[in-house]
C-alpha atoms as a PDB file:
ATOM      1  CA  MET A   1      12.893   6.388   1.625  1.00  0.00           C
ATOM      2  CA  PRO A   2      15.192   8.815  -0.177  1.00  0.00           C
ATOM      3  CA  ALA A   3      13.447  12.145  -0.703  1.00  0.00           C
ATOM      4  CA  VAL A   4      11.475  12.301  -3.941  1.00  0.00           C
ATOM      5  CA  THR A   5      12.253  15.629  -5.574  1.00  0.00           C
ATOM      6  CA  ALA A   6      11.142  16.997  -8.926  1.00  0.00           C
ATOM      7  CA  ASP A   7      10.249  20.187 -10.723  1.00  0.00           C
ATOM      8  CA  TYR A   8       6.465  20.013 -10.416  1.00  0.00           C
ATOM      9  CA  LEU A   9       5.981  22.463 -13.306  1.00  0.00           C
ATOM     10  CA  ARG A  10       7.819  20.139 -15.718  1.00  0.00           C
ATOM     11  CA  LEU A  11       6.098  16.877 -14.750  1.00  0.00           C
ATOM     12  CA  PRO A  12       3.130  15.366 -16.596  1.00  0.00           C
ATOM     13  CA  ARG A  13      -0.072  16.382 -14.837  1.00  0.00           C
ATOM     14  CA  LEU A  14      -3.170  14.543 -13.757  1.00  0.00           C
ATOM     15  CA  ASP A  15      -6.428  15.604 -15.378  1.00  0.00           C
ATOM     16  CA  SER A  16      -8.467  18.229 -13.599  1.00  0.00           C
ATOM     17  CA  PRO A  17     -11.800  17.066 -12.143  1.00  0.00           C
ATOM     18  CA  PRO A  18     -14.731  17.671 -14.500  1.00  0.00           C
ATOM     19  CA  PRO A  19     -16.706  20.865 -13.786  1.00  0.00           C
ATOM     20  CA  ASP A  20     -19.662  18.906 -12.430  1.00  0.00           C
ATOM     21  CA  ALA A  21     -17.551  16.750 -10.092  1.00  0.00           C
ATOM     22  CA  ALA A  22     -18.610  16.733  -6.448  1.00  0.00           C
ATOM     23  CA  GLU A  23     -16.281  16.258  -3.494  1.00  0.00           C
ATOM     24  CA  ARG A  24     -16.880  13.125  -1.463  1.00  0.00           C
ATOM     25  CA  GLY A  25     -17.810  13.814   2.114  1.00  0.00           C
ATOM     26  CA  VAL A  26     -16.084  12.281   5.139  1.00  0.00           C
ATOM     27  CA  VAL A  27     -18.618  10.187   7.083  1.00  0.00           C
ATOM     28  CA  GLY A  28     -16.307   9.424   9.998  1.00  0.00           C
ATOM     29  CA  VAL A  29     -12.768   9.489  11.338  1.00  0.00           C
ATOM     30  CA  THR A  30     -11.412   6.519  13.256  1.00  0.00           C
ATOM     31  CA  THR A  31      -8.181   6.249  15.231  1.00  0.00           C
ATOM     32  CA  ALA A  32      -6.155   3.183  14.324  1.00  0.00           C
ATOM     33  CA  PRO A  33      -5.446   0.929  17.320  1.00  0.00           C
ATOM     34  CA  THR A  34      -1.889  -0.295  17.763  1.00  0.00           C
ATOM     35  CA  GLY A  35      -0.741  -3.874  18.066  1.00  0.00           C
ATOM     36  CA  LEU A  36       1.935  -6.379  17.120  1.00  0.00           C
ATOM     37  CA  GLU A  37       1.897  -8.432  13.921  1.00  0.00           C
ATOM     38  CA  GLY A  38       3.824 -11.484  12.800  1.00  0.00           C
ATOM     39  CA  GLU A  39       6.779 -12.141  15.073  1.00  0.00           C
ATOM     40  CA  GLY A  40       6.248  -8.856  16.896  1.00  0.00           C
ATOM     41  CA  PHE A  41       6.620  -5.804  14.657  1.00  0.00           C
ATOM     42  CA  PRO A  42       4.369  -2.839  15.560  1.00  0.00           C
ATOM     43  CA  VAL A  43       1.370  -1.893  13.412  1.00  0.00           C
ATOM     44  CA  HIS A  44      -1.492   0.603  13.371  1.00  0.00           C
ATOM     45  CA  ARG A  45      -4.608  -1.284  12.190  1.00  0.00           C
ATOM     46  CA  ALA A  46      -6.333   1.445  10.189  1.00  0.00           C
ATOM     47  CA  PHE A  47      -9.660  -0.242   9.393  1.00  0.00           C
ATOM     48  CA  ALA A  48     -10.357  -1.813  12.786  1.00  0.00           C
ATOM     49  CA  GLY A  49     -14.015  -1.361  13.716  1.00  0.00           C
ATOM     50  CA  VAL A  50     -15.070   0.095  10.361  1.00  0.00           C
ATOM     51  CA  PRO A  51     -18.098  -1.740   8.864  1.00  0.00           C
ATOM     52  CA  LEU A  52     -17.036  -3.847   5.876  1.00  0.00           C
ATOM     53  CA  PRO A  53     -19.672  -2.375   3.503  1.00  0.00           C
ATOM     54  CA  GLN A  54     -17.973   1.008   3.921  1.00  0.00           C
ATOM     55  CA  LEU A  55     -14.577  -0.466   3.034  1.00  0.00           C
ATOM     56  CA  ASP A  56     -15.446  -2.591  -0.001  1.00  0.00           C
ATOM     57  CA  PRO A  57     -13.417  -3.520  -2.000  1.00  0.00           C
ATOM     58  CA  PHE A  58     -10.785  -3.023   0.704  1.00  0.00           C
ATOM     59  CA  VAL A  59     -10.553  -5.497   3.569  1.00  0.00           C
ATOM     60  CA  HIS A  60      -7.673  -4.492   5.818  1.00  0.00           C
ATOM     61  CA  MET A  61      -4.812  -1.994   6.088  1.00  0.00           C
ATOM     62  CA  ASP A  62      -1.818  -1.898   8.421  1.00  0.00           C
ATOM     63  CA  GLN A  63       0.684   0.894   8.845  1.00  0.00           C
ATOM     64  CA  MET A  64       3.828  -1.088   9.692  1.00  0.00           C
ATOM     65  CA  GLY A  65       6.043   0.895  12.054  1.00  0.00           C
ATOM     66  CA  GLU A  66       7.454   3.514  11.945  1.00  0.00           C
ATOM     67  CA  VAL A  67      10.118   1.979  14.193  1.00  0.00           C
ATOM     68  CA  GLN A  68      13.874   2.383  14.529  1.00  0.00           C
ATOM     69  CA  TYR A  69      15.243  -1.081  15.296  1.00  0.00           C
ATOM     70  CA  ALA A  70      18.392  -1.679  17.300  1.00  0.00           C
ATOM     71  CA  PRO A  71      20.768  -4.441  16.117  1.00  0.00           C
ATOM     72  CA  GLY A  72      19.104  -7.840  16.507  1.00  0.00           C
ATOM     73  CA  GLU A  73      15.581  -6.423  16.815  1.00  0.00           C
ATOM     74  CA  PRO A  74      14.077  -6.467  13.268  1.00  0.00           C
ATOM     75  CA  LYS A  75      11.177  -8.913  12.952  1.00  0.00           C
ATOM     76  CA  GLY A  76       8.990 -10.315  10.189  1.00  0.00           C
ATOM     77  CA  THR A  77       6.263 -12.910   9.800  1.00  0.00           C
ATOM     78  CA  PRO A  78       6.248 -16.710   9.874  1.00  0.00           C
ATOM     79  CA  TRP A  79       4.821 -18.670   6.941  1.00  0.00           C
ATOM     80  CA  HIS A  80       1.081 -17.968   6.732  1.00  0.00           C
ATOM     81  CA  PRO A  81      -1.765 -18.480   4.202  1.00  0.00           C
ATOM     82  CA  HIS A  82      -3.925 -16.060   2.210  1.00  0.00           C
ATOM     83  CA  ARG A  83      -6.846 -16.738  -0.119  1.00  0.00           C
ATOM     84  CA  GLY A  84      -9.437 -14.794  -2.091  1.00  0.00           C
ATOM     85  CA  PHE A  85      -7.859 -11.323  -2.102  1.00  0.00           C
ATOM     86  CA  GLU A  86      -4.758  -9.356  -3.052  1.00  0.00           C
ATOM     87  CA  THR A  87      -2.140  -7.797  -0.784  1.00  0.00           C
ATOM     88  CA  VAL A  88      -0.377  -4.565  -1.709  1.00  0.00           C
ATOM     89  CA  THR A  89       2.753  -3.819   0.324  1.00  0.00           C
ATOM     90  CA  TYR A  90       4.485  -0.451   0.001  1.00  0.00           C
ATOM     91  CA  MET A  91       7.805   0.089   1.780  1.00  0.00           C
ATOM     92  CA  ILE A  92       8.481   3.690   2.728  1.00  0.00           C
ATOM     93  CA  ASP A  93      11.712   2.996   4.632  1.00  0.00           C
ATOM     94  CA  GLY A  94      13.541  -0.263   5.184  1.00  0.00           C
ATOM     95  CA  ARG A  95      13.535  -3.664   3.509  1.00  0.00           C
ATOM     96  CA  PHE A  96      11.362  -6.785   3.600  1.00  0.00           C
ATOM     97  CA  GLN A  97      12.285 -10.083   1.926  1.00  0.00           C
ATOM     98  CA  HIS A  98       9.255 -11.867   0.427  1.00  0.00           C
ATOM     99  CA  GLN A  99       8.963 -15.558  -0.496  1.00  0.00           C
ATOM    100  CA  ASP A 100       5.861 -17.549  -1.411  1.00  0.00           C
ATOM    101  CA  SER A 101       4.804 -21.106  -2.173  1.00  0.00           C
ATOM    102  CA  HIS A 102       4.393 -20.414  -5.907  1.00  0.00           C
ATOM    103  CA  GLY A 103       7.946 -19.210  -6.512  1.00  0.00           C
ATOM    104  CA  GLY A 104       7.259 -15.495  -6.230  1.00  0.00           C
ATOM    105  CA  GLY A 105       9.342 -13.183  -4.158  1.00  0.00           C
ATOM    106  CA  GLY A 106      12.000 -10.588  -3.925  1.00  0.00           C
ATOM    107  CA  MET A 107      13.166  -7.644  -1.883  1.00  0.00           C
ATOM    108  CA  ILE A 108      10.671  -4.892  -1.128  1.00  0.00           C
ATOM    109  CA  GLU A 109      12.670  -1.801  -0.244  1.00  0.00           C
ATOM    110  CA  ASN A 110      12.644   1.988  -0.077  1.00  0.00           C
ATOM    111  CA  GLY A 111       9.796   3.133  -2.327  1.00  0.00           C
ATOM    112  CA  ALA A 112       9.040  -0.290  -3.847  1.00  0.00           C
ATOM    113  CA  THR A 113       5.645  -2.002  -4.023  1.00  0.00           C
ATOM    114  CA  GLN A 114       4.668  -5.677  -3.982  1.00  0.00           C
ATOM    115  CA  TRP A 115       1.301  -6.720  -5.430  1.00  0.00           C
ATOM    116  CA  MET A 116       0.463 -10.326  -4.520  1.00  0.00           C
ATOM    117  CA  THR A 117      -2.666 -12.057  -5.771  1.00  0.00           C
ATOM    118  CA  ALA A 118      -3.541 -14.790  -3.275  1.00  0.00           C
ATOM    119  CA  GLY A 119      -6.437 -16.042  -5.419  1.00  0.00           C
ATOM    120  CA  ALA A 120      -7.019 -19.761  -4.960  1.00  0.00           C
ATOM    121  CA  GLY A 121      -4.527 -19.861  -2.094  1.00  0.00           C
ATOM    122  CA  ILE A 122      -0.913 -19.126  -1.291  1.00  0.00           C
ATOM    123  CA  LEU A 123       1.569 -19.433   1.563  1.00  0.00           C
ATOM    124  CA  HIS A 124       4.081 -16.649   2.017  1.00  0.00           C
ATOM    125  CA  ILE A 125       6.616 -15.268   4.444  1.00  0.00           C
ATOM    126  CA  GLU A 126       8.043 -11.763   4.914  1.00  0.00           C
ATOM    127  CA  THR A 127      11.289 -11.311   6.817  1.00  0.00           C
ATOM    128  CA  PRO A 128      13.957  -8.640   7.270  1.00  0.00           C
ATOM    129  CA  PRO A 129      17.181  -9.598   5.445  1.00  0.00           C
ATOM    130  CA  GLU A 130      19.999 -10.946   7.572  1.00  0.00           C
ATOM    131  CA  ASP A 131      22.197  -7.862   7.252  1.00  0.00           C
ATOM    132  CA  LEU A 132      19.346  -5.659   8.484  1.00  0.00           C
ATOM    133  CA  VAL A 133      18.799  -7.935  11.485  1.00  0.00           C
ATOM    134  CA  ILE A 134      22.486  -7.550  12.304  1.00  0.00           C
ATOM    135  CA  SER A 135      22.661  -3.783  11.832  1.00  0.00           C
ATOM    136  CA  GLY A 136      19.164  -2.669  12.845  1.00  0.00           C
ATOM    137  CA  GLY A 137      17.561   0.268  11.066  1.00  0.00           C
ATOM    138  CA  LEU A 138      14.387   2.101  10.154  1.00  0.00           C
ATOM    139  CA  PHE A 139      11.264   0.114   9.239  1.00  0.00           C
ATOM    140  CA  HIS A 140       8.123   1.783   7.887  1.00  0.00           C
ATOM    141  CA  GLY A 141       5.553   0.628   5.355  1.00  0.00           C
ATOM    142  CA  VAL A 142       1.901   0.057   4.553  1.00  0.00           C
ATOM    143  CA  GLN A 143       0.056  -3.123   3.611  1.00  0.00           C
ATOM    144  CA  LEU A 144      -3.417  -3.009   2.067  1.00  0.00           C
ATOM    145  CA  TRP A 145      -5.683  -6.010   1.413  1.00  0.00           C
ATOM    146  CA  VAL A 146      -7.971  -5.698  -1.621  1.00  0.00           C
ATOM    147  CA  ASN A 147     -10.892  -8.093  -2.005  1.00  0.00           C
ATOM    148  CA  LEU A 148     -11.292 -10.033  -5.248  1.00  0.00           C
ATOM    149  CA  PRO A 149     -14.702 -10.219  -6.943  1.00  0.00           C
ATOM    150  CA  ALA A 150     -16.467 -13.579  -6.604  1.00  0.00           C
ATOM    151  CA  LYS A 151     -15.603 -14.644 -10.160  1.00  0.00           C
ATOM    152  CA  SER A 152     -11.869 -14.135  -9.472  1.00  0.00           C
ATOM    153  CA  LYS A 153     -11.626 -15.720  -6.011  1.00  0.00           C
ATOM    154  CA  MET A 154     -10.064 -18.915  -7.388  1.00  0.00           C
ATOM    155  CA  THR A 155      -7.728 -17.242  -9.873  1.00  0.00           C
ATOM    156  CA  PRO A 156      -4.158 -18.641  -9.883  1.00  0.00           C
ATOM    157  CA  PRO A 157      -1.831 -16.934  -7.380  1.00  0.00           C
ATOM    158  CA  ALA A 158       0.568 -14.350  -8.763  1.00  0.00           C
ATOM    159  CA  TYR A 159       3.344 -12.030  -7.588  1.00  0.00           C
ATOM    160  CA  GLN A 160       4.225  -8.652  -9.088  1.00  0.00           C
ATOM    161  CA  SER A 161       7.120  -6.435  -8.056  1.00  0.00           C
ATOM    162  CA  ILE A 162       7.064  -2.697  -8.750  1.00  0.00           C
ATOM    163  CA  GLY A 163      10.427  -1.092  -8.059  1.00  0.00           C
ATOM    164  CA  ALA A 164      10.779   2.488  -6.894  1.00  0.00           C
ATOM    165  CA  ASP A 165      12.384   3.386 -10.241  1.00  0.00           C
ATOM    166  CA  ASP A 166       9.423   1.902 -12.144  1.00  0.00           C
ATOM    167  CA  VAL A 167       7.112   4.631 -10.872  1.00  0.00           C
ATOM    168  CA  VAL A 168       7.012   7.792 -12.949  1.00  0.00           C
ATOM    169  CA  PRO A 169       6.017  10.766 -10.767  1.00  0.00           C
ATOM    170  CA  VAL A 170       3.321  13.144 -11.971  1.00  0.00           C
ATOM    171  CA  ALA A 171       1.973  16.410 -10.626  1.00  0.00           C
ATOM    172  CA  SER A 172      -1.551  17.239  -9.577  1.00  0.00           C
ATOM    173  CA  ALA A 173      -3.598  19.293 -12.028  1.00  0.00           C
ATOM    174  CA  ASN A 174      -2.593  22.543 -10.306  1.00  0.00           C
ATOM    175  CA  ALA A 175       1.050  21.438  -9.858  1.00  0.00           C
ATOM    176  CA  GLY A 176       0.607  21.734  -6.109  1.00  0.00           C
ATOM    177  CA  ALA A 177       1.402  18.115  -5.217  1.00  0.00           C
ATOM    178  CA  LEU A 178       3.705  15.320  -6.322  1.00  0.00           C
ATOM    179  CA  VAL A 179       1.942  11.996  -6.997  1.00  0.00           C
ATOM    180  CA  ARG A 180       3.602   8.571  -7.365  1.00  0.00           C
ATOM    181  CA  PRO A 181       0.929   6.333  -9.000  1.00  0.00           C
ATOM    182  CA  ALA A 182       2.537   2.938  -8.509  1.00  0.00           C
ATOM    183  CA  ARG A 183      -0.100   0.927 -10.375  1.00  0.00           C
ATOM    184  CA  SER A 184      -1.274   3.170 -13.194  1.00  0.00           C
ATOM    185  CA  ALA A 185       2.188   4.480 -14.078  1.00  0.00           C
ATOM    186  CA  VAL A 186       3.666   1.002 -14.469  1.00  0.00           C
ATOM    187  CA  ILE A 187       0.670  -0.280 -16.438  1.00  0.00           C
ATOM    188  CA  ALA A 188       0.918   2.651 -18.820  1.00  0.00           C
ATOM    189  CA  ALA A 189       4.691   2.451 -19.176  1.00  0.00           C
ATOM    190  CA  ARG A 190       5.211  -1.294 -19.499  1.00  0.00           C
ATOM    191  CA  GLY A 191       1.886  -3.080 -19.676  1.00  0.00           C
ATOM    192  CA  ARG A 192       3.310  -5.981 -17.696  1.00  0.00           C
ATOM    193  CA  HIS A 193       1.298  -5.821 -14.488  1.00  0.00           C
ATOM    194  CA  THR A 194      -2.221  -7.088 -14.035  1.00  0.00           C
ATOM    195  CA  ARG A 195      -4.770  -6.715 -11.288  1.00  0.00           C
ATOM    196  CA  ARG A 196      -8.053  -8.464 -10.765  1.00  0.00           C
ATOM    197  CA  SER A 197      -9.482  -6.445  -7.872  1.00  0.00           C
ATOM    198  CA  ARG A 198     -11.861  -3.521  -8.233  1.00  0.00           C
ATOM    199  CA  CYS A 199      -9.889  -0.976  -6.228  1.00  0.00           C
ATOM    200  CA  CYS A 200      -9.861   1.606  -8.999  1.00  0.00           C
ATOM    201  CA  THR A 201     -13.377   1.125 -10.373  1.00  0.00           C
ATOM    202  CA  ARG A 202     -15.682   2.129  -7.516  1.00  0.00           C
ATOM    203  CA  PRO A 203     -18.143   4.992  -8.086  1.00  0.00           C
ATOM    204  CA  SER A 204     -17.835   8.164  -6.037  1.00  0.00           C
ATOM    205  CA  ARG A 205     -19.270   7.853  -2.536  1.00  0.00           C
ATOM    206  CA  PRO A 206     -18.725   9.174   1.007  1.00  0.00           C
ATOM    207  CA  VAL A 207     -15.359   8.351   2.524  1.00  0.00           C
ATOM    208  CA  ARG A 208     -14.317   7.112   5.946  1.00  0.00           C
ATOM    209  CA  CYS A 209     -10.762   8.027   6.823  1.00  0.00           C
ATOM    210  CA  CYS A 210      -8.261   6.525   9.203  1.00  0.00           C
ATOM    211  CA  SER A 211      -6.138   8.467  11.659  1.00  0.00           C
ATOM    212  CA  CYS A 212      -2.566   7.243  12.081  1.00  0.00           C
ATOM    213  CA  PRO A 213       0.573   9.046  13.278  1.00  0.00           C
ATOM    214  CA  GLY A 214       1.739  11.394  10.537  1.00  0.00           C
ATOM    215  CA  ILE A 215      -1.463  10.915   8.527  1.00  0.00           C
ATOM    216  CA  ARG A 216      -4.291  13.371   8.044  1.00  0.00           C
ATOM    217  CA  PRO A 217      -7.712  12.726   6.500  1.00  0.00           C
ATOM    218  CA  SER A 218      -8.346  14.114   3.020  1.00  0.00           C
ATOM    219  CA  THR A 219     -11.783  14.982   1.695  1.00  0.00           C
ATOM    220  CA  ARG A 220     -10.546  14.732  -1.878  1.00  0.00           C
ATOM    221  CA  SER A 221      -9.398  11.131  -1.804  1.00  0.00           C
ATOM    222  CA  SER A 222     -10.660   7.690  -0.877  1.00  0.00           C
ATOM    223  CA  THR A 223      -7.533   7.178   1.220  1.00  0.00           C
ATOM    224  CA  CYS A 224      -5.579   9.208   3.762  1.00  0.00           C
ATOM    225  CA  SER A 225      -2.722  11.405   2.635  1.00  0.00           C
ATOM    226  CA  PRO A 226       0.714  11.388   4.312  1.00  0.00           C
ATOM    227  CA  VAL A 227       1.509  14.896   5.547  1.00  0.00           C
ATOM    228  CA  ALA A 228       5.033  14.738   4.124  1.00  0.00           C
ATOM    229  CA  ASP A 229       3.793  14.035   0.598  1.00  0.00           C
ATOM    230  CA  VAL A 230       1.643  17.140   0.072  1.00  0.00           C
END
């Protein structure tokens, strides 16, 4: 992904934690096992072996790549079904072409996010575009599965594309870090995206972090923070 640069002192800032806020403790660190997904692209399966009650509302997360493909090597997935949750795909480097059985789809590329609600059921496929297969190139992204609450399990499927340019960067409260809030920034700016999962409404609790190449655990977040972004 092209480097994201900005004058941190001039950006809008996130609110500071309230004075009585307590840091969430890390209850464990797990090392993500490696494997192959779809037609054979490499992944680090971040949540493997972590008890589901500690993940809720998250279900699954893959770090896709990082891999530098030679010409003819890029791979994707065949058609496959999902139901009852949402998938969030963030492309750091490279491109993935999405198509689904309800007419959704588009190109997910450098810095873009795809938010797909599987709901009552959907078939979809993710493939590298033909020109990338011919040329080869860098492939690196993250896909997170977010569980839907019981009342929303059978909601109609939906597809939402969040382009890299849709995300308005902000700075941390102390201007020490650049943050790209893909969901909240787009909702605030355009009001055109919806979500039905509870990923932003959980109360504070201890955190279990993953350990992937280039990723370090953070005691201040419910996720892991890429080293290059802080």
